[in-house]
Amino acid sequence: MPEQSATHNGHPRRGGILLALTRVWLPVAIAAVGIVGIVVGGGKDDVVAGAGVSLVIAALIVWMINWMYRMSVQSNRERETEEAARDYYDLHGRWPDE
């Protein structure tokens, strides 16, 4: 299913907002809580600082999963475009951009 634009007639779409929340703000929020944990845990409490580091790592993982998903979707679109071009070639004997 193709990705939908973030706006429709000047109004943000719900899907666009959810995508932005998941792709950007969720990892940022997790990392922010992790950084607060690192600062609060400083040198006094190793458990809180360790949890903060774990949350920063989790934020990076969430961001990377989102990035890998976007790369996968883009690859599928490119594959479909190439398949359509091959079908066009089979019908007309030339590539569509020639």
Protein backbone atom coordinates (compact mmCIF):
# COMPACT_ATOMS: atom_id res chain seq x y z
CA MET A 1 0.00 0.00 0.00
CA PRO A 2 1.59 3.30 -1.00
CA GLU A 3 2.39 5.85 1.61
CA GLN A 4 -0.10 8.68 1.77
CA SER A 5 0.85 12.32 1.93
CA ALA A 6 0.75 14.09 5.25
CA THR A 7 -1.79 16.66 4.09
CA HIS A 8 -5.07 16.57 2.24
CA ASN A 9 -6.67 19.88 1.24
CA GLY A 10 -4.40 21.68 3.70
CA HIS A 11 -5.42 19.49 6.64
CA PRO A 12 -3.08 16.90 8.14
CA ARG A 13 -4.18 13.32 7.71
CA ARG A 14 -4.39 11.01 10.66
CA GLY A 15 -2.06 8.52 8.97
CA GLY A 16 0.51 11.25 8.38
CA ILE A 17 0.38 12.26 12.02
CA LEU A 18 0.72 8.66 13.20
CA LEU A 19 3.64 8.11 10.83
CA ALA A 20 5.41 11.21 12.13
CA LEU A 21 4.75 10.14 15.72
CA THR A 22 6.12 6.66 15.07
CA ARG A 23 9.07 7.60 12.88
CA VAL A 24 10.33 10.69 14.64
CA TRP A 25 8.72 11.49 17.95
CA LEU A 26 8.60 8.01 19.49
CA PRO A 27 12.38 7.50 19.22
CA VAL A 28 12.98 11.10 20.33
CA ALA A 29 10.76 10.64 23.39
CA ILE A 30 12.42 7.34 24.33
CA ALA A 31 15.88 8.89 23.91
CA ALA A 32 14.88 11.96 25.95
CA VAL A 33 13.71 9.77 28.83
CA GLY A 34 16.94 7.80 28.53
CA ILE A 35 19.06 10.94 28.66
CA VAL A 36 17.15 12.14 31.71
CA GLY A 37 17.86 8.76 33.32
CA ILE A 38 21.56 9.07 32.52
CA VAL A 39 21.72 12.60 33.96
CA VAL A 40 19.70 11.74 37.07
CA GLY A 41 21.60 8.50 37.63
CA GLY A 42 24.91 10.28 37.01
CA GLY A 43 27.49 8.82 39.32
CA LYS A 44 25.09 8.15 42.19
CA ASP A 45 22.82 5.41 40.92
CA ASP A 46 24.17 2.92 38.42
CA VAL A 47 20.73 1.29 37.91
CA VAL A 48 19.03 4.50 36.75
CA ALA A 49 21.98 5.47 34.53
CA GLY A 50 22.06 1.94 33.08
CA ALA A 51 18.33 2.10 32.39
CA GLY A 52 18.90 5.44 30.68
CA VAL A 53 21.57 3.98 28.44
CA SER A 54 19.24 1.08 27.65
CA LEU A 55 16.49 3.50 26.67
CA VAL A 56 18.81 5.45 24.38
CA ILE A 57 19.78 2.18 22.70
CA ALA A 58 16.09 1.23 22.43
CA ALA A 59 15.39 4.60 20.78
CA LEU A 60 18.10 3.88 18.20
CA ILE A 61 16.61 0.45 17.55
CA VAL A 62 13.11 1.90 17.04
CA TRP A 63 14.52 4.48 14.62
CA MET A 64 16.48 1.82 12.71
CA ILE A 65 13.45 -0.47 12.42
CA ASN A 66 11.45 2.42 10.96
CA TRP A 67 14.29 3.21 8.55
CA MET A 68 14.60 -0.42 7.45
CA TYR A 69 10.83 -0.63 6.90
CA ARG A 70 10.90 2.50 4.72
CA MET A 71 13.78 1.04 2.70
CA SER A 72 11.81 -2.18 2.21
CA VAL A 73 8.72 -0.33 1.01
CA GLN A 74 10.82 1.76 -1.39
CA SER A 75 12.46 -1.38 -2.75
CA ASN A 76 9.05 -2.95 -3.37
CA ARG A 77 7.89 0.16 -5.25
CA GLU A 78 10.99 0.11 -7.43
CA ARG A 79 10.45 -3.58 -8.14
CA GLU A 80 6.83 -2.94 -9.15
CA THR A 81 7.92 -0.07 -11.42
CA GLU A 82 10.51 -2.31 -13.08
CA GLU A 83 7.95 -5.08 -13.55
CA ALA A 84 5.51 -2.62 -15.17
CA ALA A 85 8.29 -1.45 -17.51
CA ARG A 86 9.03 -5.04 -18.50
CA ASP A 87 5.34 -5.69 -19.18
CA TYR A 88 5.29 -2.56 -21.37
CA TYR A 89 8.37 -3.82 -23.20
CA ASP A 90 6.71 -7.19 -23.81
CA LEU A 91 3.66 -5.46 -25.33
CA HIS A 92 5.34 -2.71 -27.37
CA GLY A 93 8.88 -3.95 -28.02
CA ARG A 94 10.52 -0.88 -26.47
CA TRP A 95 11.09 0.54 -23.01
CA PRO A 96 8.52 3.08 -21.79
CA ASP A 97 11.09 5.90 -21.46
CA GLU A 98 12.48 5.55 -24.99
